[in-house]
Amino acid sequence: MKIAFVFPGQGSQYLGMLDSWNNETINSVMLEASSILKQDLKSLISKGPLESLNLTVNTQPIMLAVCLSFFLVWRESGGRDPDIMAGHSLGEYTALAASGAISFSDCLRLVRYRAELMQSVIPADHSAMAAIIGIEQDDVVLICNRNSNDVHIVEIANYNSPLQIVIAGHKDAVISSCKEAKALGAKRTIMLPVSAPFHSTILKPISKYLFYFLDSIDIKAPKVDVINNVDVKIENDPVLIRDALVRQAWSPVRWVETVQYMKMMGVTHILEFGPGSVLSNLIKRIDPELVTISIRDYNSLNKAIMLVN
């Protein structure tokens, strides 16, 4: 049996997502993260306000800390090592931290800085992201092309599943694309509550600043292979890992291909570490033969250990 570990990105967070845990490891990770960022993250997670939890500059480091802490509990509980790892968007950073490629403290500061950069490029009310559900990828590409011009652009940001595509770009272009998608038969279009057009070329100007930060921290070859988002490749050279992370900020997340790559490598079981089950649900739509478990509390942790150990 080959198993993969996956880590979700922004969007899986919710108030009280640690309430079902009373665990020293999780508490220790959250205390360390709070000390590094000089902010009481555990209080924000448990008490909110929700608006603050959902701010990108808070969500990204919080999700990194939460998902990594679930992984550490798994390891301390005797859970087996994975054969391969991946993460969705921000989750790629969690996978690299879990694999030993980037230290937790460096990764935490890195994702906070990344979030600040992303929010700095364009005012939040000038950009948007939306999920389009129920039409083919090729149709979404054509819709984006028809609704982009020299001033306003809209692009595919996430290839989440065969019939769930996320688009990002200037607000007017995203809204007009959603209207066209509905007219062409999309089951639903959902505007996402985000503050930047993640994984669109609008964010390309942050590249040099993100590279400077990545170049200032120590990155090692991962102890477990990590599939990156931008190329759907495994990189062990720190230079190539840095390059992929820079391009990932303004390039689409190729999640469908990532899951297909895992299957091709012989993976049969995929464990998701994080609140909710967003990735597990997407994986089931991509390939129903893959067995998925979302590890988000003690019950799911014990179930997963019994299944794959």
Protein backbone atom coordinates (compact mmCIF):
# COMPACT_ATOMS: atom_id res chain seq x y z
CA MET A 1 0.00 0.00 0.00
CA LYS A 2 1.34 3.41 -1.00
CA ILE A 3 -0.01 6.43 0.84
CA ALA A 4 0.14 10.16 0.22
CA PHE A 5 -0.33 13.05 2.65
CA VAL A 6 -2.01 16.24 1.41
CA PHE A 7 -2.48 19.64 3.04
CA PRO A 8 -5.26 22.14 2.24
CA GLY A 9 -4.89 25.83 1.53
CA GLN A 10 -6.86 28.89 2.46
CA GLY A 11 -10.61 28.32 2.69
CA SER A 12 -10.76 25.31 5.02
CA GLN A 13 -10.46 27.41 8.18
CA TYR A 14 -13.33 27.98 10.61
CA LEU A 15 -13.76 29.30 14.15
CA GLY A 16 -13.20 26.57 16.74
CA MET A 17 -11.31 24.24 14.40
CA LEU A 18 -9.07 23.12 17.29
CA ASP A 19 -11.87 22.69 19.85
CA SER A 20 -12.09 18.91 19.38
CA TRP A 21 -8.40 18.53 20.25
CA ASN A 22 -6.84 18.73 23.69
CA ASN A 23 -3.30 17.90 22.70
CA GLU A 24 0.06 19.08 24.00
CA THR A 25 1.73 18.96 20.58
CA ILE A 26 -0.94 21.14 18.97
CA ASN A 27 -0.82 23.56 21.89
CA SER A 28 2.97 23.72 21.64
CA VAL A 29 2.91 24.43 17.89
CA MET A 30 0.33 27.18 18.33
CA LEU A 31 2.32 28.76 21.17
CA GLU A 32 5.48 28.72 19.04
CA ALA A 33 3.65 30.23 16.09
CA SER A 34 2.12 32.93 18.29
CA SER A 35 5.55 33.77 19.69
CA ILE A 36 7.15 34.00 16.24
CA LEU A 37 4.38 36.22 14.80
CA LYS A 38 3.76 38.10 18.07
CA GLN A 39 0.05 37.39 17.85
CA ASP A 40 -2.27 35.14 19.89
CA LEU A 41 -3.25 32.74 17.12
CA LYS A 42 -5.01 30.20 19.33
CA SER A 43 -7.33 32.88 20.70
CA LEU A 44 -8.08 34.09 17.17
CA ILE A 45 -8.90 30.52 16.11
CA SER A 46 -11.21 29.87 19.05
CA LYS A 47 -12.82 33.27 19.61
CA GLY A 48 -12.37 35.18 16.36
CA PRO A 49 -13.62 37.51 15.15
CA LEU A 50 -14.21 35.51 11.97
CA GLU A 51 -13.35 38.54 9.82
CA SER A 52 -9.84 38.57 11.33
CA LEU A 53 -9.41 34.81 10.96
CA ASN A 54 -10.31 35.12 7.27
CA LEU A 55 -7.78 37.89 6.56
CA THR A 56 -5.16 36.38 4.26
CA VAL A 57 -2.28 37.61 6.41
CA ASN A 58 -3.75 35.64 9.33
CA THR A 59 -5.28 32.68 7.50
CA GLN A 60 -2.12 31.57 5.73
CA PRO A 61 0.16 31.24 8.81
CA ILE A 62 -2.72 29.84 10.89
CA MET A 63 -3.50 27.12 8.34
CA LEU A 64 0.20 26.26 8.10
CA ALA A 65 0.46 25.89 11.89
CA VAL A 66 -2.82 23.98 12.29
CA CYS A 67 -2.23 21.50 9.46
CA LEU A 68 1.39 20.89 10.43
CA SER A 69 0.36 20.28 14.04
CA PHE A 70 -2.14 17.61 12.92
CA PHE A 71 0.67 15.94 10.98
CA LEU A 72 2.94 16.01 14.05
CA VAL A 73 0.20 14.41 16.17
CA TRP A 74 -0.09 11.67 13.53
CA ARG A 75 3.63 11.01 13.68
CA GLU A 76 3.73 10.99 17.49
CA SER A 77 0.76 8.58 17.53
CA GLY A 78 2.76 6.02 15.57
CA GLY A 79 1.31 6.77 12.16
CA ARG A 80 3.44 5.54 9.25
CA ASP A 81 5.45 7.83 7.01
CA PRO A 82 3.98 8.76 3.63
CA ASP A 83 5.42 7.75 0.29
CA ILE A 84 4.71 11.16 -1.20
CA MET A 85 3.23 14.55 -0.21
CA ALA A 86 1.47 17.47 -1.85
CA GLY A 87 -0.43 20.56 -0.84
CA HIS A 88 -3.03 22.79 -2.45
CA SER A 89 -1.71 26.37 -2.86
CA LEU A 90 -0.60 27.38 0.67
CA GLY A 91 -0.65 23.67 1.49
CA GLU A 92 2.46 23.17 -0.63
CA TYR A 93 4.37 25.18 2.00
CA THR A 94 2.94 22.94 4.74
CA ALA A 95 4.08 19.87 2.79
CA LEU A 96 7.59 21.29 2.48
CA ALA A 97 7.69 22.02 6.21
CA ALA A 98 6.39 18.52 7.02
CA SER A 99 9.02 17.00 4.71
CA GLY A 100 11.84 18.83 6.48
CA ALA A 101 12.70 21.06 3.52
CA ILE A 102 11.88 24.31 5.35
CA SER A 103 11.92 24.88 9.12
CA PHE A 104 8.61 25.71 10.76
CA SER A 105 9.77 29.14 11.93
CA ASP A 106 11.09 30.11 8.49
CA CYS A 107 7.98 28.76 6.77
CA LEU A 108 5.69 30.67 9.12
CA ARG A 109 7.43 33.98 8.45
CA LEU A 110 7.54 33.16 4.74
CA VAL A 111 3.80 32.58 4.35
CA ARG A 112 2.99 35.71 6.38
CA TYR A 113 5.24 37.75 4.08
CA ARG A 114 3.78 36.03 1.00
CA ALA A 115 0.27 36.97 2.14
CA GLU A 116 1.29 40.59 2.70
CA LEU A 117 2.82 40.73 -0.77
CA MET A 118 -0.28 39.25 -2.37
CA GLN A 119 -2.55 41.79 -0.70
CA SER A 120 -0.31 44.71 -1.68
CA VAL A 121 -0.56 44.38 -5.47
CA ILE A 122 -4.18 45.39 -6.06
CA PRO A 123 -6.96 46.79 -3.83
CA ALA A 124 -9.19 44.00 -2.57
CA ASP A 125 -12.32 45.53 -4.11
CA HIS A 126 -10.68 45.66 -7.56
CA SER A 127 -10.08 41.91 -7.82
CA ALA A 128 -12.07 38.74 -7.32
CA MET A 129 -12.03 34.95 -7.46
CA ALA A 130 -14.91 32.63 -8.26
CA ALA A 131 -15.57 28.91 -8.52
CA ILE A 132 -17.30 27.70 -11.67
CA ILE A 133 -19.02 24.34 -11.25
CA GLY A 134 -20.45 22.09 -13.91
CA ILE A 135 -18.74 22.96 -17.20
CA GLU A 136 -15.59 21.62 -18.82
CA GLN A 137 -12.12 23.11 -18.40
CA ASP A 138 -11.82 23.99 -22.11
CA ASP A 139 -15.04 26.00 -21.93
CA VAL A 140 -13.75 27.96 -18.94
CA VAL A 141 -10.52 28.76 -20.82
CA LEU A 142 -12.55 30.18 -23.71
CA ILE A 143 -14.75 32.18 -21.33
CA CYS A 144 -11.68 33.70 -19.67
CA ASN A 145 -10.17 34.60 -23.03
CA ARG A 146 -13.37 36.31 -24.17
CA ASN A 147 -13.65 38.34 -20.95
CA SER A 148 -10.02 39.51 -20.84
CA ASN A 149 -8.55 42.55 -22.57
CA ASP A 150 -5.49 44.80 -22.33
CA VAL A 151 -6.78 46.39 -19.11
CA HIS A 152 -8.72 43.69 -17.26
CA ILE A 153 -7.83 40.01 -17.15
CA VAL A 154 -9.39 36.83 -15.80
CA GLU A 155 -7.59 33.47 -15.72
CA ILE A 156 -7.91 29.97 -14.36
CA ALA A 157 -6.40 29.91 -10.87
CA ASN A 158 -7.21 26.38 -9.66
CA TYR A 159 -7.93 23.19 -11.59
CA ASN A 160 -9.69 21.65 -8.59
CA SER A 161 -11.63 18.82 -10.24
CA PRO A 162 -12.84 18.03 -13.75
CA LEU A 163 -15.98 20.11 -13.23
CA GLN A 164 -14.80 22.61 -10.59
CA ILE A 165 -12.55 25.40 -11.84
CA VAL A 166 -11.59 28.53 -9.91
CA ILE A 167 -10.96 31.77 -11.82
CA ALA A 168 -9.19 34.92 -10.65
CA GLY A 169 -8.56 38.39 -11.97
CA HIS A 170 -9.97 41.89 -12.12
CA LYS A 171 -13.40 42.03 -10.52
CA ASP A 172 -15.39 43.13 -13.58
CA ALA A 173 -13.83 40.40 -15.74
CA VAL A 174 -14.53 37.72 -13.12
CA ILE A 175 -18.18 38.80 -12.77
CA SER A 176 -18.75 38.87 -16.53
CA SER A 177 -17.10 35.43 -16.85
CA CYS A 178 -19.45 34.00 -14.22
CA LYS A 179 -22.46 35.38 -16.07
CA GLU A 180 -21.28 33.80 -19.32
CA ALA A 181 -20.55 30.48 -17.58
CA LYS A 182 -24.11 30.38 -16.21
CA ALA A 183 -25.46 31.12 -19.68
CA LEU A 184 -23.42 28.22 -21.06
CA GLY A 185 -24.80 25.74 -18.54
CA ALA A 186 -22.69 26.01 -15.38
CA LYS A 187 -24.58 24.57 -12.42
CA ARG A 188 -23.25 27.19 -10.04
CA THR A 189 -20.82 30.09 -9.86
CA ILE A 190 -19.62 31.12 -6.41
CA MET A 191 -17.77 34.34 -5.62
CA LEU A 192 -15.04 33.50 -3.09
CA PRO A 193 -14.40 35.65 0.03
CA VAL A 194 -10.75 36.45 -0.69
CA SER A 195 -8.71 39.64 -0.65
CA ALA A 196 -6.43 39.05 -3.67
CA PRO A 197 -6.52 37.29 -7.06
CA PHE A 198 -4.40 34.31 -6.00
CA HIS A 199 -2.62 32.34 -8.71
CA SER A 200 -3.23 34.93 -11.42
CA THR A 201 -0.58 36.85 -13.36
CA ILE A 202 -1.78 40.05 -11.67
CA LEU A 203 0.47 38.91 -8.81
CA LYS A 204 3.55 38.45 -10.97
CA PRO A 205 5.12 41.72 -9.66
CA ILE A 206 5.68 40.09 -6.25
CA SER A 207 8.10 37.56 -7.78
CA LYS A 208 11.37 39.31 -7.02
CA TYR A 209 10.39 40.12 -3.44
CA LEU A 210 9.24 36.58 -2.76
CA PHE A 211 12.47 35.27 -4.30
CA TYR A 212 14.60 37.53 -2.07
CA PHE A 213 12.88 36.12 1.02
CA LEU A 214 13.14 32.54 -0.20
CA ASP A 215 16.81 33.10 -0.98
CA SER A 216 17.43 34.33 2.58
CA ILE A 217 16.24 31.12 4.27
CA ASP A 218 17.69 27.63 4.34
CA ILE A 219 15.92 25.14 2.09
CA LYS A 220 16.99 21.48 2.10
CA ALA A 221 16.12 18.52 -0.07
CA PRO A 222 12.80 17.12 1.27
CA LYS A 223 13.00 13.86 3.24
CA VAL A 224 9.76 12.82 1.51
CA ASP A 225 9.03 13.68 -2.11
CA VAL A 226 6.69 16.67 -2.56
CA ILE A 227 4.76 17.23 -5.79
CA ASN A 228 4.69 20.93 -6.59
CA ASN A 229 1.64 22.84 -7.82
CA VAL A 230 3.12 24.72 -10.74
CA ASP A 231 4.81 21.93 -12.71
CA VAL A 232 3.30 18.80 -11.08
CA LYS A 233 6.88 17.67 -10.49
CA ILE A 234 9.03 16.44 -7.63
CA GLU A 235 12.01 18.70 -7.03
CA ASN A 236 14.84 17.95 -4.60
CA ASP A 237 17.20 20.77 -5.60
CA PRO A 238 16.63 23.79 -3.29
CA VAL A 239 17.23 26.16 -6.23
CA LEU A 240 14.40 24.53 -8.18
CA ILE A 241 12.14 24.43 -5.11
CA ARG A 242 12.58 28.20 -4.69
CA ASP A 243 11.85 28.82 -8.37
CA ALA A 244 8.68 26.71 -8.25
CA LEU A 245 7.39 28.52 -5.15
CA VAL A 246 7.92 31.92 -6.78
CA ARG A 247 6.01 30.90 -9.90
CA GLN A 248 3.31 29.19 -7.85
CA ALA A 249 2.08 32.56 -6.52
CA TRP A 250 0.91 33.68 -9.97
CA SER A 251 0.36 30.33 -11.74
CA PRO A 252 -2.62 27.97 -11.55
CA VAL A 253 -2.81 25.15 -9.02
CA ARG A 254 -2.90 21.95 -11.10
CA TRP A 255 -4.66 19.80 -8.51
CA VAL A 256 -6.33 17.36 -10.92
CA GLU A 257 -2.97 16.49 -12.47
CA THR A 258 -1.40 16.23 -9.00
CA VAL A 259 -3.91 13.59 -7.92
CA GLN A 260 -3.51 11.75 -11.24
CA TYR A 261 0.27 11.77 -10.74
CA MET A 262 -0.14 10.19 -7.30
CA LYS A 263 -2.32 7.47 -8.77
CA MET A 264 0.26 6.85 -11.52
CA MET A 265 2.94 6.47 -8.80
CA GLY A 266 0.89 3.67 -7.21
CA VAL A 267 -0.78 5.63 -4.40
CA THR A 268 -3.99 3.98 -3.19
CA HIS A 269 -4.72 5.92 0.04
CA ILE A 270 -4.56 9.69 0.62
CA LEU A 271 -4.68 11.31 4.07
CA GLU A 272 -5.67 14.97 4.34
CA PHE A 273 -4.32 16.86 7.37
CA GLY A 274 -6.42 19.88 8.21
CA PRO A 275 -9.85 21.15 9.23
CA GLY A 276 -12.67 20.06 6.97
CA SER A 277 -12.47 17.71 4.01
CA VAL A 278 -12.11 20.00 0.99
CA LEU A 279 -9.26 18.08 -0.64
CA SER A 280 -10.73 14.66 0.13
CA ASN A 281 -13.96 15.69 -1.60
CA LEU A 282 -12.07 16.97 -4.64
CA ILE A 283 -9.97 13.80 -4.82
CA LYS A 284 -13.11 11.65 -4.84
CA ARG A 285 -14.41 13.62 -7.82
CA ILE A 286 -11.09 13.21 -9.62
CA ASP A 287 -10.69 9.47 -8.96
CA PRO A 288 -13.32 7.59 -6.92
CA GLU A 289 -10.98 4.57 -6.60
CA LEU A 290 -8.64 6.46 -4.26
CA VAL A 291 -9.34 5.97 -0.55
CA THR A 292 -9.32 9.27 1.35
CA ILE A 293 -9.46 10.15 5.03
CA SER A 294 -9.56 13.67 6.48
CA ILE A 295 -7.64 13.80 9.75
CA ARG A 296 -9.28 16.58 11.75
CA ASP A 297 -9.96 15.06 15.20
CA TYR A 298 -9.06 12.05 17.35
CA ASN A 299 -11.71 9.80 15.79
CA SER A 300 -10.45 10.34 12.26
CA LEU A 301 -6.84 10.05 13.46
CA ASN A 302 -7.48 6.63 15.03
CA LYS A 303 -9.48 5.46 12.01
CA ALA A 304 -6.61 6.39 9.68
CA ILE A 305 -3.99 4.67 11.83
CA MET A 306 -6.01 1.45 11.84
CA LEU A 307 -6.49 1.63 8.07
CA VAL A 308 -2.97 2.35 6.79
CA ASN A 309 -0.55 1.19 9.52
